[in-house]
Every structure is written in C-alpha cells, then in structure tokens.
C-alpha cells in the first residue's frame, strides 16, 4: 500500500476537512486535525501541517491538494559498516532496520519481537505521529500509533507463545537464545520484504553482547555480522527501534486481551504480586494444567500462585 505526505497550511487543511465531511472518522489519532476514509484512501491531517494519504489511490487523492512525493522504494544503498563496538556516525538520520522485543519480563503472555524498517525520509513523519520508546507511552497511545504506522513501514512480527516458550525453556534453551533467534528471523523477514533495497544499518536493542548474539544463532541463516549494530536504549538512537517497540507492545497487548477473554477476567502485565493472585484465580477456575498456555512456568510466580491456591484450600 502506497503512502504520500503533503505539507499544507492550516486553512487548506480545514478546507480538506469540509471536503471530506461525509468521510470523516471518529478516531482519536494523536496530534491530528481530522481523519477520513474514502473507498480507496485513508487521509490523516496533523496540526503541524502534514497530511498523510494511505492506500491504492494515495497519489491520485493527494494530487487534488498539491504536489507530492510518494514514498516508493529507492535504489539500493551501500551499507555503512560501523567500527567494531561502535555505531555508524549519523545513524539517527539513516534508513535503518531496528528490532526490539516485549514480554520477556511478563509472567503472563508471549514474547513478541518486531523488526521494522524506517527510511530516512519517513523519520519526520514518525516523529509527528508520536513514535518514541513504548515504555514512555500508555496502552491507549500505543494502540493509536501502532494502527497508523503498521500501514506505513515494513515490519515483521514474531510471537513466541507460552506453550512453545515453556517447551524450549524446559529443554534447556535460555531466554537470551530465544530472543536472538526471534530477532534474527524478524530482521531476515524485513530484508526480504524490502529487497532489493538495503538498509544503511541494522540496529538491535541490545539484550546480550554481539558475540553472544551471534553464538546463539550459529547454524542458522543470519545477517552478516558487519551489518548489525547493538546498543542499549536503542529506541532513543533511531526511530526504527522505537517503532518496533511500539508494534511489539501493540501485539503483546492484543495477545493479553485474548488471554483475558479466555480466562474470563483481566490478566495483569508484569511479574508482581498481582500476577500471583491472577494465576491462583486461574488455577482455581480452570485447573493447574491450564498454566502452560498462559504463563512462563519457570518464573517464581508459578510457585507463589500455587502457594496461594493451597492456602485458600486449606
């Protein structure tokens, strides 16, 4: 799906709002003046003057209001290899694939990993949409932003469900190795989606040293070492990682909502006392055998929940 961005004066945006009066949507998109949907195009206008057209007719629709440059794939660019342990100079303004994960510290729910490709020309738009580290956003904002950016940037979502997580964990695989495999596959998927275009860098939100990461994925198809960078707090280095963080969080929220629906009560996030109580409630209502499909069994919360159940029954 194509997307086109125009920069317009506010009076022109208000003219557009009137024009699309019958197509206006009741959507609370952060920083927007209005959102409208025609038969083949979604239009979102922002207070800054940027107007985003998404859909098969994005160029045709945008041409009614001004000259536009469509965000089509550019010619392949040569990757800039960073010095060992360093990031490429100016990486924040490059076209980058970034990856991040959510759910590793949560007792309930899966691990979700997303790799996302943000081209340099889309960086201002993502800033306008409010893209930043998902830890700084509440669930409502994450959902609103994710619903918009998922149609703008190429990405890949990998979800390691609880049943599979518990299976591989009990076989001896570390959580670090699980994450490395998921990140690697998500990145490969995005590279395939954007081919023949190539990113100027690949940035992974660091959870292990680079050498350990590549040891974890040894024997699998992998991206060349010289093309991959690692950094802690990578969401603040490039918006590709921040966007990946938001999309991963969005997928995690959706999964938790499904678990809540299945459980018959709201499933909490995290690994605090509230999840012990929720897991105990789950055991009481559905039996202990249901736990592997809801939680990460090796967490200490499992024993705490069982202790709560035993206390209630005695």
C-alpha atoms as a PDB file:
ATOM      1  CA  UNK A   1       0.000   0.000   0.000  1.00  0.00           C
ATOM      2  CA  UNK A   2       1.388   3.403  -1.022  1.00  0.00           C
ATOM      3  CA  UNK A   3       1.606   6.446   1.175  1.00  0.00           C
ATOM      4  CA  UNK A   4       2.074  10.102   0.314  1.00  0.00           C
ATOM      5  CA  UNK A   5       2.751  13.076   2.593  1.00  0.00           C
ATOM      6  CA  UNK A   6       1.858  16.711   1.856  1.00  0.00           C
ATOM      7  CA  UNK A   7       2.790  19.808   3.856  1.00  0.00           C
ATOM      8  CA  UNK A   8      -0.163  22.235   3.816  1.00  0.00           C
ATOM      9  CA  UNK A   9      -1.308  25.423   5.514  1.00  0.00           C
ATOM     10  CA  UNK A  10      -3.963  25.081   8.216  1.00  0.00           C
ATOM     11  CA  UNK A  11      -6.584  26.877   6.095  1.00  0.00           C
ATOM     12  CA  UNK A  12      -6.071  24.284   3.350  1.00  0.00           C
ATOM     13  CA  UNK A  13      -6.409  21.511   5.930  1.00  0.00           C
ATOM     14  CA  UNK A  14      -9.705  22.964   7.150  1.00  0.00           C
ATOM     15  CA  UNK A  15     -10.862  23.136   3.519  1.00  0.00           C
ATOM     16  CA  UNK A  16      -9.999  19.462   3.209  1.00  0.00           C
ATOM     17  CA  UNK A  17     -11.925  18.694   6.396  1.00  0.00           C
ATOM     18  CA  UNK A  18     -15.033  20.223   4.892  1.00  0.00           C
ATOM     19  CA  UNK A  19     -14.455  18.444   1.580  1.00  0.00           C
ATOM     20  CA  UNK A  20     -14.241  15.048   3.276  1.00  0.00           C
ATOM     21  CA  UNK A  21     -17.137  15.814   5.640  1.00  0.00           C
ATOM     22  CA  UNK A  22     -19.090  12.675   4.737  1.00  0.00           C
ATOM     23  CA  UNK A  23     -15.981  10.507   5.073  1.00  0.00           C
ATOM     24  CA  UNK A  24     -14.763  11.755   8.467  1.00  0.00           C
ATOM     25  CA  UNK A  25     -13.875   9.109  11.038  1.00  0.00           C
ATOM     26  CA  UNK A  26     -14.369   9.347  14.769  1.00  0.00           C
ATOM     27  CA  UNK A  27     -10.733   8.487  15.522  1.00  0.00           C
ATOM     28  CA  UNK A  28      -8.561   9.986  18.232  1.00  0.00           C
ATOM     29  CA  UNK A  29      -5.197   9.967  16.451  1.00  0.00           C
ATOM     30  CA  UNK A  30      -2.531  11.854  18.452  1.00  0.00           C
ATOM     31  CA  UNK A  31      -1.873  15.353  17.074  1.00  0.00           C
ATOM     32  CA  UNK A  32      -4.431  15.079  14.276  1.00  0.00           C
ATOM     33  CA  UNK A  33      -6.948  17.639  12.999  1.00  0.00           C
ATOM     34  CA  UNK A  34      -9.087  15.027  11.279  1.00  0.00           C
ATOM     35  CA  UNK A  35      -9.075  11.540   9.762  1.00  0.00           C
ATOM     36  CA  UNK A  36     -11.192  10.498   6.792  1.00  0.00           C
ATOM     37  CA  UNK A  37     -11.574   7.389   4.683  1.00  0.00           C
ATOM     38  CA  UNK A  38     -12.680   7.193   1.068  1.00  0.00           C
ATOM     39  CA  UNK A  39     -13.276   3.965  -0.865  1.00  0.00           C
ATOM     40  CA  UNK A  40      -9.551   3.544  -1.608  1.00  0.00           C
ATOM     41  CA  UNK A  41      -7.654   6.023   0.559  1.00  0.00           C
ATOM     42  CA  UNK A  42      -7.166   6.954   4.223  1.00  0.00           C
ATOM     43  CA  UNK A  43      -6.413  10.647   4.886  1.00  0.00           C
ATOM     44  CA  UNK A  44      -4.998  11.897   8.197  1.00  0.00           C
ATOM     45  CA  UNK A  45      -4.207  15.590   8.696  1.00  0.00           C
ATOM     46  CA  UNK A  46      -1.980  16.788  11.530  1.00  0.00           C
ATOM     47  CA  UNK A  47      -1.746  20.077  13.404  1.00  0.00           C
ATOM     48  CA  UNK A  48       1.821  20.544  12.141  1.00  0.00           C
ATOM     49  CA  UNK A  49       0.537  20.783   8.557  1.00  0.00           C
ATOM     50  CA  UNK A  50       1.489  17.280   7.448  1.00  0.00           C
ATOM     51  CA  UNK A  51      -1.249  15.310   5.677  1.00  0.00           C
ATOM     52  CA  UNK A  52      -0.806  11.563   5.226  1.00  0.00           C
ATOM     53  CA  UNK A  53      -2.565   9.721   2.373  1.00  0.00           C
ATOM     54  CA  UNK A  54      -2.561   5.901   2.603  1.00  0.00           C
ATOM     55  CA  UNK A  55      -3.988   3.414   0.130  1.00  0.00           C
ATOM     56  CA  UNK A  56      -4.014   2.359  -3.502  1.00  0.00           C
ATOM     57  CA  UNK A  57      -5.251   5.795  -4.621  1.00  0.00           C
ATOM     58  CA  UNK A  58      -2.954   7.807  -2.326  1.00  0.00           C
ATOM     59  CA  UNK A  59      -1.143   9.608  -5.157  1.00  0.00           C
ATOM     60  CA  UNK A  60      -4.369  10.378  -7.034  1.00  0.00           C
ATOM     61  CA  UNK A  61      -6.081  11.697  -3.908  1.00  0.00           C
ATOM     62  CA  UNK A  62      -3.078  13.742  -2.778  1.00  0.00           C
ATOM     63  CA  UNK A  63      -2.767  15.355  -6.227  1.00  0.00           C
ATOM     64  CA  UNK A  64      -6.089  17.134  -5.570  1.00  0.00           C
ATOM     65  CA  UNK A  65      -4.382  19.193  -2.869  1.00  0.00           C
ATOM     66  CA  UNK A  66      -0.802  19.730  -4.004  1.00  0.00           C
ATOM     67  CA  UNK A  67       2.396  18.266  -5.330  1.00  0.00           C
ATOM     68  CA  UNK A  68       3.534  15.166  -3.512  1.00  0.00           C
ATOM     69  CA  UNK A  69       6.391  12.732  -3.421  1.00  0.00           C
ATOM     70  CA  UNK A  70       5.317   9.158  -2.921  1.00  0.00           C
ATOM     71  CA  UNK A  71       7.386   7.044  -0.549  1.00  0.00           C
ATOM     72  CA  UNK A  72       8.417   4.420  -3.073  1.00  0.00           C
ATOM     73  CA  UNK A  73      11.451   2.177  -2.599  1.00  0.00           C
ATOM     74  CA  UNK A  74      14.651   3.952  -3.528  1.00  0.00           C
ATOM     75  CA  UNK A  75      17.582   2.367  -5.248  1.00  0.00           C
ATOM     76  CA  UNK A  76      19.745   0.124  -3.117  1.00  0.00           C
ATOM     77  CA  UNK A  77      22.176   1.923  -0.851  1.00  0.00           C
ATOM     78  CA  UNK A  78      25.519   0.622   0.243  1.00  0.00           C
ATOM     79  CA  UNK A  79      25.549  -0.427   3.882  1.00  0.00           C
ATOM     80  CA  UNK A  80      27.888   1.521   6.093  1.00  0.00           C
ATOM     81  CA  UNK A  81      29.766  -0.839   8.362  1.00  0.00           C
ATOM     82  CA  UNK A  82      30.430   0.518  11.839  1.00  0.00           C
ATOM     83  CA  UNK A  83      33.703   0.073  13.610  1.00  0.00           C
ATOM     84  CA  UNK A  84      33.576  -2.859  15.999  1.00  0.00           C
ATOM     85  CA  UNK A  85      31.518  -1.917  19.067  1.00  0.00           C
ATOM     86  CA  UNK A  86      30.562   1.462  17.596  1.00  0.00           C
ATOM     87  CA  UNK A  87      27.531   2.850  15.800  1.00  0.00           C
ATOM     88  CA  UNK A  88      27.782   4.457  12.352  1.00  0.00           C
ATOM     89  CA  UNK A  89      28.187   8.219  12.529  1.00  0.00           C
ATOM     90  CA  UNK A  90      24.812   9.877  11.946  1.00  0.00           C
ATOM     91  CA  UNK A  91      22.836   6.654  12.327  1.00  0.00           C
ATOM     92  CA  UNK A  92      19.800   8.514  13.706  1.00  0.00           C
ATOM     93  CA  UNK A  93      19.221  10.037  10.253  1.00  0.00           C
ATOM     94  CA  UNK A  94      19.874   6.888   8.214  1.00  0.00           C
ATOM     95  CA  UNK A  95      17.478   4.365   6.696  1.00  0.00           C
ATOM     96  CA  UNK A  96      17.582   1.623   9.312  1.00  0.00           C
ATOM     97  CA  UNK A  97      16.039  -1.706  10.298  1.00  0.00           C
ATOM     98  CA  UNK A  98      15.519  -1.682  14.054  1.00  0.00           C
ATOM     99  CA  UNK A  99      14.357  -4.518  16.286  1.00  0.00           C
ATOM    100  CA  UNK A 100      13.028  -4.769  19.820  1.00  0.00           C
ATOM    101  CA  UNK A 101      11.079  -7.194  21.988  1.00  0.00           C
ATOM    102  CA  UNK A 102       8.333  -7.111  24.608  1.00  0.00           C
ATOM    103  CA  UNK A 103       7.091  -9.627  27.159  1.00  0.00           C
ATOM    104  CA  UNK A 104      10.343 -11.152  28.391  1.00  0.00           C
ATOM    105  CA  UNK A 105       9.742  -9.957  31.950  1.00  0.00           C
ATOM    106  CA  UNK A 106       5.993 -10.638  31.976  1.00  0.00           C
ATOM    107  CA  UNK A 107       4.701 -13.776  33.699  1.00  0.00           C
ATOM    108  CA  UNK A 108       1.587 -13.922  31.529  1.00  0.00           C
ATOM    109  CA  UNK A 109       1.700 -13.767  27.755  1.00  0.00           C
ATOM    110  CA  UNK A 110       4.201 -14.398  24.959  1.00  0.00           C
ATOM    111  CA  UNK A 111       7.436 -12.810  23.854  1.00  0.00           C
ATOM    112  CA  UNK A 112       6.779 -10.550  20.871  1.00  0.00           C
ATOM    113  CA  UNK A 113       9.665  -9.375  18.692  1.00  0.00           C
ATOM    114  CA  UNK A 114       9.364  -6.859  15.873  1.00  0.00           C
ATOM    115  CA  UNK A 115      11.879  -5.690  13.286  1.00  0.00           C
ATOM    116  CA  UNK A 116      10.845  -2.530  11.415  1.00  0.00           C
ATOM    117  CA  UNK A 117      12.364  -0.586   8.523  1.00  0.00           C
ATOM    118  CA  UNK A 118      12.264   3.200   8.706  1.00  0.00           C
ATOM    119  CA  UNK A 119      13.564   5.116   5.708  1.00  0.00           C
ATOM    120  CA  UNK A 120      15.270   8.427   6.386  1.00  0.00           C
ATOM    121  CA  UNK A 121      12.546  10.359   4.544  1.00  0.00           C
ATOM    122  CA  UNK A 122       9.886   8.916   6.895  1.00  0.00           C
ATOM    123  CA  UNK A 123      11.654   9.943  10.124  1.00  0.00           C
ATOM    124  CA  UNK A 124       9.901  13.369  10.349  1.00  0.00           C
ATOM    125  CA  UNK A 125       6.511  11.725   9.794  1.00  0.00           C
ATOM    126  CA  UNK A 126       7.069   9.149  12.536  1.00  0.00           C
ATOM    127  CA  UNK A 127       8.104  11.915  14.916  1.00  0.00           C
ATOM    128  CA  UNK A 128       4.887  13.700  14.011  1.00  0.00           C
ATOM    129  CA  UNK A 129       2.907  10.563  14.780  1.00  0.00           C
ATOM    130  CA  UNK A 130       4.401  10.454  18.265  1.00  0.00           C
ATOM    131  CA  UNK A 131       6.744   7.493  17.776  1.00  0.00           C
ATOM    132  CA  UNK A 132       9.135   7.104  20.698  1.00  0.00           C
ATOM    133  CA  UNK A 133      10.061   4.427  23.243  1.00  0.00           C
ATOM    134  CA  UNK A 134       6.918   2.420  24.039  1.00  0.00           C
ATOM    135  CA  UNK A 135       7.859   2.474  27.742  1.00  0.00           C
ATOM    136  CA  UNK A 136       7.002   6.198  27.689  1.00  0.00           C
ATOM    137  CA  UNK A 137       3.538   5.588  26.219  1.00  0.00           C
ATOM    138  CA  UNK A 138       0.372   4.223  27.794  1.00  0.00           C
ATOM    139  CA  UNK A 139      -1.549   1.394  26.132  1.00  0.00           C
ATOM    140  CA  UNK A 140      -4.104   3.743  24.556  1.00  0.00           C
ATOM    141  CA  UNK A 141      -1.410   5.769  22.773  1.00  0.00           C
ATOM    142  CA  UNK A 142       0.494   2.659  21.721  1.00  0.00           C
ATOM    143  CA  UNK A 143      -2.633   1.236  20.096  1.00  0.00           C
ATOM    144  CA  UNK A 144      -3.441   4.518  18.320  1.00  0.00           C
ATOM    145  CA  UNK A 145       0.091   4.977  16.971  1.00  0.00           C
ATOM    146  CA  UNK A 146       0.558   1.314  16.011  1.00  0.00           C
ATOM    147  CA  UNK A 147      -2.648   1.264  13.974  1.00  0.00           C
ATOM    148  CA  UNK A 148      -1.258   4.086  11.833  1.00  0.00           C
ATOM    149  CA  UNK A 149       2.401   3.104  11.439  1.00  0.00           C
ATOM    150  CA  UNK A 150       1.701  -0.568  10.652  1.00  0.00           C
ATOM    151  CA  UNK A 151       0.485   0.592   7.228  1.00  0.00           C
ATOM    152  CA  UNK A 152       3.429   2.954   6.647  1.00  0.00           C
ATOM    153  CA  UNK A 153       6.562   0.977   7.445  1.00  0.00           C
ATOM    154  CA  UNK A 154       7.599  -2.581   6.509  1.00  0.00           C
ATOM    155  CA  UNK A 155       7.873  -4.781   9.599  1.00  0.00           C
ATOM    156  CA  UNK A 156       7.854  -8.386  10.780  1.00  0.00           C
ATOM    157  CA  UNK A 157       6.283  -9.678  13.989  1.00  0.00           C
ATOM    158  CA  UNK A 158       7.486 -12.874  15.664  1.00  0.00           C
ATOM    159  CA  UNK A 159       5.395 -14.247  18.545  1.00  0.00           C
ATOM    160  CA  UNK A 160       6.703 -16.965  20.856  1.00  0.00           C
ATOM    161  CA  UNK A 161       3.559 -18.288  22.528  1.00  0.00           C
ATOM    162  CA  UNK A 162       3.630 -19.635  26.071  1.00  0.00           C
ATOM    163  CA  UNK A 163       3.248 -23.308  25.129  1.00  0.00           C
ATOM    164  CA  UNK A 164       6.291 -23.188  22.833  1.00  0.00           C
ATOM    165  CA  UNK A 165       8.224 -20.943  25.224  1.00  0.00           C
ATOM    166  CA  UNK A 166       7.805 -23.427  28.088  1.00  0.00           C
ATOM    167  CA  UNK A 167       8.705 -26.334  25.835  1.00  0.00           C
ATOM    168  CA  UNK A 168      12.020 -24.859  24.631  1.00  0.00           C
ATOM    169  CA  UNK A 169      12.846 -23.416  28.055  1.00  0.00           C
ATOM    170  CA  UNK A 170      12.412 -26.813  29.697  1.00  0.00           C
ATOM    171  CA  UNK A 171      14.646 -28.341  27.027  1.00  0.00           C
ATOM    172  CA  UNK A 172      17.456 -26.087  28.250  1.00  0.00           C
ATOM    173  CA  UNK A 173      17.289 -23.097  25.898  1.00  0.00           C
ATOM    174  CA  UNK A 174      17.951 -19.752  27.578  1.00  0.00           C
ATOM    175  CA  UNK A 175      15.646 -16.804  27.131  1.00  0.00           C
ATOM    176  CA  UNK A 176      18.558 -14.931  25.550  1.00  0.00           C
ATOM    177  CA  UNK A 177      18.909 -17.550  22.829  1.00  0.00           C
ATOM    178  CA  UNK A 178      15.148 -17.498  22.190  1.00  0.00           C
ATOM    179  CA  UNK A 179      15.261 -13.732  21.720  1.00  0.00           C
ATOM    180  CA  UNK A 180      18.301 -13.893  19.426  1.00  0.00           C
ATOM    181  CA  UNK A 181      16.574 -16.425  17.161  1.00  0.00           C
ATOM    182  CA  UNK A 182      13.399 -14.322  17.040  1.00  0.00           C
ATOM    183  CA  UNK A 183      15.276 -11.066  16.314  1.00  0.00           C
ATOM    184  CA  UNK A 184      17.315 -12.721  13.584  1.00  0.00           C
ATOM    185  CA  UNK A 185      14.254 -14.171  11.857  1.00  0.00           C
ATOM    186  CA  UNK A 186      12.295 -10.902  12.073  1.00  0.00           C
ATOM    187  CA  UNK A 187      15.220  -8.992  10.526  1.00  0.00           C
ATOM    188  CA  UNK A 188      15.584 -11.546   7.724  1.00  0.00           C
ATOM    189  CA  UNK A 189      11.838 -11.249   7.024  1.00  0.00           C
ATOM    190  CA  UNK A 190      12.073  -7.454   6.701  1.00  0.00           C
ATOM    191  CA  UNK A 191      15.141  -7.664   4.464  1.00  0.00           C
ATOM    192  CA  UNK A 192      13.163  -9.996   2.209  1.00  0.00           C
ATOM    193  CA  UNK A 193      10.190  -7.607   2.167  1.00  0.00           C
ATOM    194  CA  UNK A 194      12.230  -4.562   1.123  1.00  0.00           C
ATOM    195  CA  UNK A 195      14.585  -6.358  -1.307  1.00  0.00           C
ATOM    196  CA  UNK A 196      16.367  -5.229  -3.472  1.00  0.00           C
ATOM    197  CA  UNK A 197      16.511  -2.126  -1.301  1.00  0.00           C
ATOM    198  CA  UNK A 198      19.001  -2.384   1.566  1.00  0.00           C
ATOM    199  CA  UNK A 199      19.127  -0.533   4.888  1.00  0.00           C
ATOM    200  CA  UNK A 200      22.126   1.624   5.747  1.00  0.00           C
ATOM    201  CA  UNK A 201      22.302  -0.104   9.135  1.00  0.00           C
ATOM    202  CA  UNK A 202      20.578  -2.731  11.279  1.00  0.00           C
ATOM    203  CA  UNK A 203      20.167  -1.787  14.933  1.00  0.00           C
ATOM    204  CA  UNK A 204      19.141  -4.245  17.651  1.00  0.00           C
ATOM    205  CA  UNK A 205      18.119  -3.111  21.123  1.00  0.00           C
ATOM    206  CA  UNK A 206      20.895  -4.866  22.998  1.00  0.00           C
ATOM    207  CA  UNK A 207      19.994  -7.697  25.399  1.00  0.00           C
ATOM    208  CA  UNK A 208      23.332  -9.588  25.109  1.00  0.00           C
ATOM    209  CA  UNK A 209      26.799  -8.819  23.779  1.00  0.00           C
ATOM    210  CA  UNK A 210      27.085  -9.034  19.990  1.00  0.00           C
ATOM    211  CA  UNK A 211      29.412 -12.039  20.177  1.00  0.00           C
ATOM    212  CA  UNK A 212      26.887 -13.909  22.339  1.00  0.00           C
ATOM    213  CA  UNK A 213      24.044 -12.969  19.994  1.00  0.00           C
ATOM    214  CA  UNK A 214      25.826 -14.483  17.000  1.00  0.00           C
ATOM    215  CA  UNK A 215      26.770 -17.550  19.042  1.00  0.00           C
ATOM    216  CA  UNK A 216      23.066 -18.015  19.852  1.00  0.00           C
ATOM    217  CA  UNK A 217      22.095 -18.035  16.154  1.00  0.00           C
ATOM    218  CA  UNK A 218      25.061 -20.118  14.989  1.00  0.00           C
ATOM    219  CA  UNK A 219      23.976 -22.683  12.406  1.00  0.00           C
ATOM    220  CA  UNK A 220      21.018 -20.605  11.219  1.00  0.00           C
ATOM    221  CA  UNK A 221      20.741 -18.298   8.247  1.00  0.00           C
ATOM    222  CA  UNK A 222      21.794 -14.927   9.606  1.00  0.00           C
ATOM    223  CA  UNK A 223      22.572 -11.353   8.640  1.00  0.00           C
ATOM    224  CA  UNK A 224      26.289 -10.648   8.177  1.00  0.00           C
ATOM    225  CA  UNK A 225      27.919  -9.508  11.423  1.00  0.00           C
ATOM    226  CA  UNK A 226      29.349  -6.355   9.892  1.00  0.00           C
ATOM    227  CA  UNK A 227      25.833  -5.103   9.034  1.00  0.00           C
ATOM    228  CA  UNK A 228      24.435  -5.384  12.572  1.00  0.00           C
ATOM    229  CA  UNK A 229      24.807  -2.872  15.418  1.00  0.00           C
ATOM    230  CA  UNK A 230      23.821  -3.299  19.067  1.00  0.00           C
ATOM    231  CA  UNK A 231      23.001  -0.659  21.642  1.00  0.00           C
ATOM    232  CA  UNK A 232      21.157  -0.407  24.920  1.00  0.00           C
ATOM    233  CA  UNK A 233      18.329   2.145  24.913  1.00  0.00           C
ATOM    234  CA  UNK A 234      18.339   1.904  21.111  1.00  0.00           C
ATOM    235  CA  UNK A 235      14.799   3.372  20.999  1.00  0.00           C
ATOM    236  CA  UNK A 236      16.433   6.737  21.649  1.00  0.00           C
ATOM    237  CA  UNK A 237      19.034   6.256  18.919  1.00  0.00           C
ATOM    238  CA  UNK A 238      16.784   5.537  15.932  1.00  0.00           C
ATOM    239  CA  UNK A 239      13.024   5.667  15.418  1.00  0.00           C
ATOM    240  CA  UNK A 240      13.145   2.268  13.703  1.00  0.00           C
ATOM    241  CA  UNK A 241      13.734   0.651  17.103  1.00  0.00           C
ATOM    242  CA  UNK A 242      11.110   2.872  18.745  1.00  0.00           C
ATOM    243  CA  UNK A 243       8.595   1.893  16.042  1.00  0.00           C
ATOM    244  CA  UNK A 244       9.489  -1.789  16.513  1.00  0.00           C
ATOM    245  CA  UNK A 245       8.997  -1.353  20.258  1.00  0.00           C
ATOM    246  CA  UNK A 246       5.515   0.130  19.726  1.00  0.00           C
ATOM    247  CA  UNK A 247       4.436  -2.572  17.277  1.00  0.00           C
ATOM    248  CA  UNK A 248       5.753  -5.324  19.570  1.00  0.00           C
ATOM    249  CA  UNK A 249       3.915  -3.786  22.522  1.00  0.00           C
ATOM    250  CA  UNK A 250       0.730  -3.489  20.461  1.00  0.00           C
ATOM    251  CA  UNK A 251       0.908  -7.195  19.562  1.00  0.00           C
ATOM    252  CA  UNK A 252       1.550  -8.075  23.214  1.00  0.00           C
ATOM    253  CA  UNK A 253      -1.447  -6.017  24.379  1.00  0.00           C
ATOM    254  CA  UNK A 254      -3.681  -7.748  21.833  1.00  0.00           C
ATOM    255  CA  UNK A 255      -2.474 -11.165  22.999  1.00  0.00           C
ATOM    256  CA  UNK A 256      -3.056 -10.313  26.671  1.00  0.00           C
ATOM    257  CA  UNK A 257      -6.584  -9.197  25.759  1.00  0.00           C
ATOM    258  CA  UNK A 258      -7.198 -12.618  24.164  1.00  0.00           C
ATOM    259  CA  UNK A 259      -5.857 -14.371  27.260  1.00  0.00           C
ATOM    260  CA  UNK A 260      -8.137 -12.223  29.425  1.00  0.00           C
ATOM    261  CA  UNK A 261     -11.137 -13.151  27.303  1.00  0.00           C
ATOM    262  CA  UNK A 262     -10.252 -16.828  27.546  1.00  0.00           C
ATOM    263  CA  UNK A 263      -9.636 -16.638  31.306  1.00  0.00           C
ATOM    264  CA  UNK A 264     -12.859 -14.743  31.976  1.00  0.00           C
ATOM    265  CA  UNK A 265     -11.097 -11.925  33.856  1.00  0.00           C
ATOM    266  CA  UNK A 266      -8.485  -9.233  33.159  1.00  0.00           C
ATOM    267  CA  UNK A 267      -4.960 -10.631  33.008  1.00  0.00           C
ATOM    268  CA  UNK A 268      -2.379  -8.231  34.518  1.00  0.00           C
ATOM    269  CA  UNK A 269       1.021  -7.447  32.993  1.00  0.00           C
ATOM    270  CA  UNK A 270       4.369  -7.670  34.726  1.00  0.00           C
ATOM    271  CA  UNK A 271       5.610 -10.114  37.350  1.00  0.00           C
ATOM    272  CA  UNK A 272       4.461  -8.554  40.630  1.00  0.00           C
ATOM    273  CA  UNK A 273       2.087  -9.766  43.314  1.00  0.00           C
ATOM    274  CA  UNK A 274      -0.942  -9.023  41.143  1.00  0.00           C
ATOM    275  CA  UNK A 275       0.025 -11.766  38.678  1.00  0.00           C
ATOM    276  CA  UNK A 276       0.375 -14.283  41.523  1.00  0.00           C
ATOM    277  CA  UNK A 277      -3.217 -13.570  42.507  1.00  0.00           C
ATOM    278  CA  UNK A 278      -4.407 -13.790  38.876  1.00  0.00           C
ATOM    279  CA  UNK A 279      -2.608 -17.103  38.314  1.00  0.00           C
ATOM    280  CA  UNK A 280      -4.090 -18.501  41.534  1.00  0.00           C
ATOM    281  CA  UNK A 281      -7.533 -17.447  40.326  1.00  0.00           C
ATOM    282  CA  UNK A 282      -6.854 -19.157  37.004  1.00  0.00           C
ATOM    283  CA  UNK A 283      -5.812 -22.393  38.727  1.00  0.00           C
ATOM    284  CA  UNK A 284      -8.909 -22.313  40.934  1.00  0.00           C
ATOM    285  CA  UNK A 285     -11.246 -21.841  37.950  1.00  0.00           C
ATOM    286  CA  UNK A 286      -9.573 -23.924  35.218  1.00  0.00           C
ATOM    287  CA  UNK A 287      -7.072 -26.203  36.930  1.00  0.00           C
ATOM    288  CA  UNK A 288      -3.290 -26.212  37.184  1.00  0.00           C
ATOM    289  CA  UNK A 289      -2.856 -27.925  33.804  1.00  0.00           C
ATOM    290  CA  UNK A 290      -4.017 -24.751  32.032  1.00  0.00           C
ATOM    291  CA  UNK A 291      -0.974 -22.733  33.203  1.00  0.00           C
ATOM    292  CA  UNK A 292       1.477 -23.645  30.383  1.00  0.00           C
ATOM    293  CA  UNK A 293      -0.710 -21.906  27.797  1.00  0.00           C
ATOM    294  CA  UNK A 294      -0.931 -18.703  29.882  1.00  0.00           C
ATOM    295  CA  UNK A 295       2.356 -18.188  31.736  1.00  0.00           C
ATOM    296  CA  UNK A 296       6.126 -18.661  31.705  1.00  0.00           C
ATOM    297  CA  UNK A 297       6.303 -21.593  34.081  1.00  0.00           C
ATOM    298  CA  UNK A 298       9.899 -21.143  35.280  1.00  0.00           C
ATOM    299  CA  UNK A 299       9.114 -17.734  36.809  1.00  0.00           C
ATOM    300  CA  UNK A 300       8.964 -17.748  40.625  1.00  0.00           C
ATOM    301  CA  UNK A 301       5.363 -16.519  40.277  1.00  0.00           C
ATOM    302  CA  UNK A 302       4.265 -20.088  39.499  1.00  0.00           C
ATOM    303  CA  UNK A 303       5.226 -21.372  42.963  1.00  0.00           C
ATOM    304  CA  UNK A 304       3.750 -18.270  44.594  1.00  0.00           C
ATOM    305  CA  UNK A 305       0.438 -18.778  42.798  1.00  0.00           C
ATOM    306  CA  UNK A 306       0.313 -22.467  43.795  1.00  0.00           C
ATOM    307  CA  UNK A 307       1.040 -21.478  47.405  1.00  0.00           C
ATOM    308  CA  UNK A 308      -1.884 -19.035  47.310  1.00  0.00           C
ATOM    309  CA  UNK A 309      -4.172 -21.766  45.996  1.00  0.00           C
ATOM    310  CA  UNK A 310      -3.061 -24.206  48.699  1.00  0.00           C
ATOM    311  CA  UNK A 311      -3.606 -21.561  51.361  1.00  0.00           C
ATOM    312  CA  UNK A 312      -7.149 -20.919  50.167  1.00  0.00           C
ATOM    313  CA  UNK A 313      -7.968 -24.621  50.035  1.00  0.00           C
ATOM    314  CA  UNK A 314      -6.602 -25.412  53.487  1.00  0.00           C
END
